C-alpha atoms as a PDB file:
ATOM      1  CA  MET A   1      20.392  42.705 -31.943  1.00  0.00           C
ATOM      2  CA  SER A   2      19.772  39.919 -29.463  1.00  0.00           C
ATOM      3  CA  LEU A   3      22.222  37.063 -29.075  1.00  0.00           C
ATOM      4  CA  PHE A   4      19.441  34.778 -27.863  1.00  0.00           C
ATOM      5  CA  LYS A   5      17.023  32.793 -29.965  1.00  0.00           C
ATOM      6  CA  ALA A   6      14.443  30.076 -29.438  1.00  0.00           C
ATOM      7  CA  ARG A   7      14.436  26.836 -31.347  1.00  0.00           C
ATOM      8  CA  ASP A   8      12.452  23.622 -31.192  1.00  0.00           C
ATOM      9  CA  TRP A   9      14.093  21.170 -28.796  1.00  0.00           C
ATOM     10  CA  TRP A  10      11.275  18.732 -28.073  1.00  0.00           C
ATOM     11  CA  SER A  11       7.529  18.558 -28.589  1.00  0.00           C
ATOM     12  CA  THR A  12       4.710  16.062 -28.570  1.00  0.00           C
ATOM     13  CA  VAL A  13       0.953  15.932 -29.183  1.00  0.00           C
ATOM     14  CA  LEU A  14      -1.217  14.893 -26.242  1.00  0.00           C
ATOM     15  CA  GLY A  15      -4.312  12.840 -26.978  1.00  0.00           C
ATOM     16  CA  ASP A  16      -7.284  13.951 -29.040  1.00  0.00           C
ATOM     17  CA  LYS A  17      -9.169  17.115 -27.999  1.00  0.00           C
ATOM     18  CA  GLU A  18      -7.931  16.824 -24.408  1.00  0.00           C
ATOM     19  CA  GLU A  19      -8.129  19.894 -22.173  1.00  0.00           C
ATOM     20  CA  PHE A  20      -5.598  21.091 -19.612  1.00  0.00           C
ATOM     21  CA  ASP A  21      -5.257  23.765 -16.956  1.00  0.00           C
ATOM     22  CA  GLN A  22      -2.154  25.519 -15.627  1.00  0.00           C
ATOM     23  CA  GLY A  23      -1.933  23.117 -12.677  1.00  0.00           C
ATOM     24  CA  CYS A  24      -1.880  20.047 -14.914  1.00  0.00           C
ATOM     25  CA  LEU A  25       1.893  20.094 -15.478  1.00  0.00           C
ATOM     26  CA  CYS A  26       4.978  19.854 -13.299  1.00  0.00           C
ATOM     27  CA  LEU A  27       8.676  18.979 -13.614  1.00  0.00           C
ATOM     28  CA  ALA A  28      10.462  16.724 -11.122  1.00  0.00           C
ATOM     29  CA  ASN A  29      12.622  13.647 -10.702  1.00  0.00           C
ATOM     30  CA  VAL A  30       9.425  11.790  -9.866  1.00  0.00           C
ATOM     31  CA  ASP A  31      10.959   8.303 -10.145  1.00  0.00           C
ATOM     32  CA  ASN A  32      13.915   9.250  -7.886  1.00  0.00           C
ATOM     33  CA  SER A  33      16.394   8.177 -10.564  1.00  0.00           C
ATOM     34  CA  GLY A  34      20.062   8.328  -9.699  1.00  0.00           C
ATOM     35  CA  ASN A  35      20.883  10.780 -12.496  1.00  0.00           C
ATOM     36  CA  GLY A  36      18.485  13.320 -10.989  1.00  0.00           C
ATOM     37  CA  GLN A  37      16.887  14.032 -14.375  1.00  0.00           C
ATOM     38  CA  ASP A  38      13.544  15.820 -14.197  1.00  0.00           C
ATOM     39  CA  LYS A  39      10.559  14.271 -15.928  1.00  0.00           C
ATOM     40  CA  ILE A  40       7.535  16.077 -17.393  1.00  0.00           C
ATOM     41  CA  ILE A  41       4.295  15.050 -15.679  1.00  0.00           C
ATOM     42  CA  VAL A  42       1.048  16.031 -17.417  1.00  0.00           C
ATOM     43  CA  GLY A  43      -2.543  15.350 -16.378  1.00  0.00           C
ATOM     44  CA  SER A  44      -5.663  16.201 -18.358  1.00  0.00           C
ATOM     45  CA  PHE A  45      -9.319  16.884 -17.623  1.00  0.00           C
ATOM     46  CA  MET A  46     -10.020  13.641 -19.499  1.00  0.00           C
ATOM     47  CA  GLY A  47      -8.260  11.790 -16.673  1.00  0.00           C
ATOM     48  CA  TYR A  48      -5.091  10.774 -18.486  1.00  0.00           C
ATOM     49  CA  LEU A  49      -1.737  11.074 -16.732  1.00  0.00           C
ATOM     50  CA  ARG A  50       1.461  10.950 -18.769  1.00  0.00           C
ATOM     51  CA  ILE A  51       5.115  11.056 -17.734  1.00  0.00           C
ATOM     52  CA  PHE A  52       7.779  12.005 -20.279  1.00  0.00           C
ATOM     53  CA  SER A  53      11.559  11.923 -20.244  1.00  0.00           C
ATOM     54  CA  PRO A  54      12.341  14.177 -23.226  1.00  0.00           C
ATOM     55  CA  HIS A  55      15.390  13.919 -25.447  1.00  0.00           C
ATOM     56  CA  PRO A  56      16.453  16.417 -28.127  1.00  0.00           C
ATOM     57  CA  ALA A  57      14.407  15.950 -31.282  1.00  0.00           C
ATOM     58  CA  LYS A  58      16.222  14.899 -34.414  1.00  0.00           C
ATOM     59  CA  THR A  59      15.765  17.080 -37.473  1.00  0.00           C
ATOM     60  CA  GLY A  60      12.261  16.615 -38.796  1.00  0.00           C
ATOM     61  CA  ASP A  61      11.250  14.325 -35.943  1.00  0.00           C
ATOM     62  CA  GLY A  62       9.022  14.944 -32.947  1.00  0.00           C
ATOM     63  CA  ALA A  63       9.055  13.020 -29.702  1.00  0.00           C
ATOM     64  CA  GLN A  64      10.477   9.505 -29.770  1.00  0.00           C
ATOM     65  CA  ALA A  65       8.423   6.536 -28.564  1.00  0.00           C
ATOM     66  CA  GLU A  66      10.798   5.955 -25.656  1.00  0.00           C
ATOM     67  CA  ASP A  67      10.222   9.510 -24.386  1.00  0.00           C
ATOM     68  CA  LEU A  68       6.814   8.465 -23.014  1.00  0.00           C
ATOM     69  CA  LEU A  69       7.592   6.584 -19.812  1.00  0.00           C
ATOM     70  CA  LEU A  70       4.053   6.046 -18.603  1.00  0.00           C
ATOM     71  CA  GLU A  71       0.452   6.706 -19.639  1.00  0.00           C
ATOM     72  CA  VAL A  72      -2.460   5.774 -17.369  1.00  0.00           C
ATOM     73  CA  ASP A  73      -6.186   6.497 -17.364  1.00  0.00           C
ATOM     74  CA  LEU A  74      -7.148   7.644 -13.850  1.00  0.00           C
ATOM     75  CA  ARG A  75     -10.831   7.918 -14.899  1.00  0.00           C
ATOM     76  CA  ASP A  76     -11.325  11.205 -13.031  1.00  0.00           C
ATOM     77  CA  PRO A  77     -10.407  14.692 -14.303  1.00  0.00           C
ATOM     78  CA  VAL A  78      -6.944  15.759 -13.145  1.00  0.00           C
ATOM     79  CA  LEU A  79      -6.995  19.268 -11.661  1.00  0.00           C
ATOM     80  CA  GLN A  80      -3.360  19.486 -10.576  1.00  0.00           C
ATOM     81  CA  VAL A  81      -0.176  17.425 -10.231  1.00  0.00           C
ATOM     82  CA  GLU A  82       2.691  18.063  -7.792  1.00  0.00           C
ATOM     83  CA  VAL A  83       5.781  16.133  -6.657  1.00  0.00           C
ATOM     84  CA  GLY A  84       7.155  16.227  -3.121  1.00  0.00           C
ATOM     85  CA  LYS A  85       7.954  14.305   0.060  1.00  0.00           C
ATOM     86  CA  PHE A  86       4.387  13.207   0.686  1.00  0.00           C
ATOM     87  CA  VAL A  87       4.866   9.770   2.306  1.00  0.00           C
ATOM     88  CA  SER A  88       5.810   9.299   5.957  1.00  0.00           C
ATOM     89  CA  GLY A  89       8.992   7.437   6.852  1.00  0.00           C
ATOM     90  CA  THR A  90      10.847   8.369   3.673  1.00  0.00           C
ATOM     91  CA  GLU A  91      12.231  11.456   1.932  1.00  0.00           C
ATOM     92  CA  MET A  92      11.718   9.932  -1.506  1.00  0.00           C
ATOM     93  CA  LEU A  93       9.672  12.005  -3.943  1.00  0.00           C
ATOM     94  CA  HIS A  94       6.084  10.980  -4.664  1.00  0.00           C
ATOM     95  CA  LEU A  95       3.407  12.192  -7.052  1.00  0.00           C
ATOM     96  CA  ALA A  96       0.263  13.913  -5.741  1.00  0.00           C
ATOM     97  CA  VAL A  97      -2.729  14.032  -8.095  1.00  0.00           C
ATOM     98  CA  LEU A  98      -5.687  16.252  -7.258  1.00  0.00           C
ATOM     99  CA  HIS A  99      -9.145  15.304  -8.507  1.00  0.00           C
ATOM    100  CA  SER A 100     -12.331  17.202  -7.782  1.00  0.00           C
ATOM    101  CA  ARG A 101     -13.268  14.942  -4.858  1.00  0.00           C
ATOM    102  CA  LYS A 102     -10.086  13.001  -4.175  1.00  0.00           C
ATOM    103  CA  LEU A 103      -6.364  13.457  -3.486  1.00  0.00           C
ATOM    104  CA  CYS A 104      -4.160  10.537  -4.491  1.00  0.00           C
ATOM    105  CA  VAL A 105      -0.452  10.044  -3.776  1.00  0.00           C
ATOM    106  CA  TYR A 106       1.539   7.606  -5.917  1.00  0.00           C
ATOM    107  CA  SER A 107       5.035   6.223  -6.086  1.00  0.00           C
ATOM    108  CA  VAL A 108       6.525   6.096  -9.580  1.00  0.00           C
ATOM    109  CA  SER A 109       9.227   3.554 -10.346  1.00  0.00           C
ATOM    110  CA  GLY A 110      11.019   2.202 -13.371  1.00  0.00           C
ATOM    111  CA  THR A 111      12.407  -1.280 -13.945  1.00  0.00           C
ATOM    112  CA  LEU A 112      15.320  -1.612 -16.325  1.00  0.00           C
ATOM    113  CA  GLY A 113      14.535  -3.840 -19.283  1.00  0.00           C
ATOM    114  CA  ASN A 114      16.395  -5.182 -22.267  1.00  0.00           C
ATOM    115  CA  VAL A 115      17.105  -3.216 -25.431  1.00  0.00           C
ATOM    116  CA  GLU A 116      14.025  -4.554 -27.225  1.00  0.00           C
ATOM    117  CA  HIS A 117      11.451  -3.634 -24.606  1.00  0.00           C
ATOM    118  CA  GLY A 118      13.140  -0.688 -22.860  1.00  0.00           C
ATOM    119  CA  ASN A 119      12.309   0.314 -19.295  1.00  0.00           C
ATOM    120  CA  GLN A 120       9.029  -0.559 -17.604  1.00  0.00           C
ATOM    121  CA  TYR A 121       7.435   2.189 -15.495  1.00  0.00           C
ATOM    122  CA  GLN A 122       4.563   1.811 -13.076  1.00  0.00           C
ATOM    123  CA  MET A 123       2.577   3.818 -10.540  1.00  0.00           C
ATOM    124  CA  LYS A 124       1.581   2.458  -7.151  1.00  0.00           C
ATOM    125  CA  LEU A 125      -1.089   4.110  -5.017  1.00  0.00           C
ATOM    126  CA  MET A 126       0.368   4.888  -1.581  1.00  0.00           C
ATOM    127  CA  TYR A 127      -2.756   6.468  -0.085  1.00  0.00           C
ATOM    128  CA  GLU A 128      -5.731   8.625  -0.957  1.00  0.00           C
ATOM    129  CA  HIS A 129      -7.968  11.144   0.786  1.00  0.00           C
ATOM    130  CA  ASN A 130     -11.634  11.377  -0.152  1.00  0.00           C
ATOM    131  CA  LEU A 131     -12.640  15.043   0.013  1.00  0.00           C
ATOM    132  CA  GLN A 132     -15.855  16.259   1.617  1.00  0.00           C
ATOM    133  CA  ARG A 133     -15.713  19.421  -0.513  1.00  0.00           C
ATOM    134  CA  THR A 134     -15.086  19.986  -4.224  1.00  0.00           C
ATOM    135  CA  ALA A 135     -11.428  20.881  -4.766  1.00  0.00           C
ATOM    136  CA  CYS A 136     -10.108  23.786  -6.819  1.00  0.00           C
ATOM    137  CA  ASN A 137      -6.311  23.702  -6.427  1.00  0.00           C
ATOM    138  CA  MET A 138      -3.525  22.852  -4.002  1.00  0.00           C
ATOM    139  CA  THR A 139      -0.083  23.848  -2.807  1.00  0.00           C
ATOM    140  CA  TYR A 140       2.514  22.052  -0.707  1.00  0.00           C
ATOM    141  CA  GLY A 141       5.555  22.689   1.462  1.00  0.00           C
ATOM    142  CA  SER A 142       7.141  22.281   4.873  1.00  0.00           C
ATOM    143  CA  PHE A 143       4.298  24.030   6.712  1.00  0.00           C
ATOM    144  CA  GLY A 144       5.298  25.174  10.208  1.00  0.00           C
ATOM    145  CA  GLY A 145       8.979  24.647   9.407  1.00  0.00           C
ATOM    146  CA  ILE A 146       8.637  20.866   9.576  1.00  0.00           C
ATOM    147  CA  LYS A 147      11.765  19.070   8.312  1.00  0.00           C
ATOM    148  CA  GLY A 148      12.126  16.232   5.825  1.00  0.00           C
ATOM    149  CA  ARG A 149       8.526  16.071   4.628  1.00  0.00           C
ATOM    150  CA  ASP A 150       5.912  18.082   2.779  1.00  0.00           C
ATOM    151  CA  LEU A 151       2.323  18.819   3.738  1.00  0.00           C
ATOM    152  CA  ILE A 152      -0.457  19.541   1.243  1.00  0.00           C
ATOM    153  CA  CYS A 153      -3.035  22.324   1.411  1.00  0.00           C
ATOM    154  CA  ILE A 154      -6.132  22.064  -0.807  1.00  0.00           C
ATOM    155  CA  GLN A 155      -8.426  24.993  -1.523  1.00  0.00           C
ATOM    156  CA  SER A 156     -12.062  24.025  -2.035  1.00  0.00           C
ATOM    157  CA  MET A 157     -14.530  25.725  -4.351  1.00  0.00           C
ATOM    158  CA  ASP A 158     -16.409  27.083  -1.321  1.00  0.00           C
ATOM    159  CA  GLY A 159     -13.372  28.684   0.306  1.00  0.00           C
ATOM    160  CA  MET A 160     -11.986  26.149   2.763  1.00  0.00           C
ATOM    161  CA  LEU A 161      -8.264  25.460   3.101  1.00  0.00           C
ATOM    162  CA  MET A 162      -7.779  21.777   3.994  1.00  0.00           C
ATOM    163  CA  VAL A 163      -4.348  20.753   5.277  1.00  0.00           C
ATOM    164  CA  PHE A 164      -3.152  17.155   5.000  1.00  0.00           C
ATOM    165  CA  GLU A 165      -0.137  15.887   6.913  1.00  0.00           C
ATOM    166  CA  GLN A 166       0.811  13.075   4.574  1.00  0.00           C
ATOM    167  CA  GLU A 167      -1.534  10.153   5.357  1.00  0.00           C
ATOM    168  CA  SER A 168      -3.606  12.155   7.872  1.00  0.00           C
ATOM    169  CA  TYR A 169      -6.047  15.051   7.645  1.00  0.00           C
ATOM    170  CA  ALA A 170      -4.752  17.851   9.895  1.00  0.00           C
ATOM    171  CA  PHE A 171      -7.342  20.651   9.896  1.00  0.00           C
ATOM    172  CA  GLY A 172      -9.464  22.977   7.774  1.00  0.00           C
ATOM    173  CA  ARG A 173     -10.213  26.705   7.876  1.00  0.00           C
ATOM    174  CA  PHE A 174     -12.552  28.878   5.834  1.00  0.00           C
ATOM    175  CA  LEU A 175     -11.144  31.976   4.142  1.00  0.00           C
ATOM    176  CA  PRO A 176     -12.922  35.132   5.381  1.00  0.00           C
ATOM    177  CA  GLY A 177     -15.039  37.098   2.908  1.00  0.00           C
ATOM    178  CA  PHE A 178     -14.740  34.338   0.328  1.00  0.00           C
ATOM    179  CA  LEU A 179     -16.569  34.561  -3.012  1.00  0.00           C
ATOM    180  CA  LEU A 180     -14.522  32.760  -5.667  1.00  0.00           C
ATOM    181  CA  PRO A 181     -11.377  30.621  -5.348  1.00  0.00           C
ATOM    182  CA  GLY A 182      -8.171  32.293  -6.459  1.00  0.00           C
ATOM    183  CA  PRO A 183      -4.614  31.048  -7.026  1.00  0.00           C
ATOM    184  CA  LEU A 184      -2.913  29.479  -4.018  1.00  0.00           C
ATOM    185  CA  ALA A 185       0.797  29.411  -3.139  1.00  0.00           C
ATOM    186  CA  TYR A 186       2.916  28.680  -0.077  1.00  0.00           C
ATOM    187  CA  SER A 187       5.763  30.978   1.031  1.00  0.00           C
ATOM    188  CA  SER A 188       8.400  29.113   3.028  1.00  0.00           C
ATOM    189  CA  ARG A 189      10.069  32.367   4.065  1.00  0.00           C
ATOM    190  CA  THR A 190       6.973  33.691   5.837  1.00  0.00           C
ATOM    191  CA  ASP A 191       5.446  30.222   6.422  1.00  0.00           C
ATOM    192  CA  SER A 192       2.129  31.433   5.071  1.00  0.00           C
ATOM    193  CA  PHE A 193      -0.437  30.742   2.364  1.00  0.00           C
ATOM    194  CA  ILE A 194      -0.859  33.429  -0.295  1.00  0.00           C
ATOM    195  CA  THR A 195      -3.944  33.874  -2.443  1.00  0.00           C
ATOM    196  CA  VAL A 196      -5.827  36.548  -4.370  1.00  0.00           C
ATOM    197  CA  SER A 197      -9.291  37.425  -3.097  1.00  0.00           C
ATOM    198  CA  SER A 198     -12.408  38.303  -5.074  1.00  0.00           C
ATOM    199  CA  CYS A 199     -11.663  41.939  -4.159  1.00  0.00           C
ATOM    200  CA  ARG A 200      -8.457  41.655  -6.239  1.00  0.00           C
ATOM    201  CA  GLN A 201      -6.294  41.882  -3.151  1.00  0.00           C
ATOM    202  CA  VAL A 202      -3.288  39.677  -2.427  1.00  0.00           C
ATOM    203  CA  GLU A 203      -3.819  38.096   0.980  1.00  0.00           C
ATOM    204  CA  SER A 204      -1.434  36.107   3.178  1.00  0.00           C
ATOM    205  CA  TYR A 205      -2.597  33.711   5.895  1.00  0.00           C
ATOM    206  CA  LYS A 206      -0.192  32.347   8.498  1.00  0.00           C
END
């Protein structure tokens, strides 16, 4: 007999007939709050981005109104969301949102309000990169062992890896023998990109 069990802690319903992919969700202290509490960031193919700060649900209740910190319509389908040190000159965390033809990096901040109105959260666009190729997914990390900042690598639908060093485009390389885009991850231990090819082989590129 197992000593472990699952129980409902928090849940919410997102929009009406919205669609999501596995890259559309991440957890991070995106607003750099002093308590270090992670927030839930969710983006949808309908273009909506929502940020939640969940609290335990009361019996018979779902999410509370104050759990939703921010909801914005970005007007373009959201393929993936990630949080990292994406802005030069600071080690604060920022939100990267990948669209099919655009990469946007935002700062997320909250302003303390009174009891009646609660806290006010807002997103500010720090920079964006217009993509020459249609994006599929992205990964990020301290490529090349760089300290104190994160770089972003985007995989295009036609097999190019595009590396962005914060506000600047660094370089791009095509994957050899490419047919269809696969998952993409970065290994800090080997400082390499890992993907799965159309031949069902795990490949690592340094």
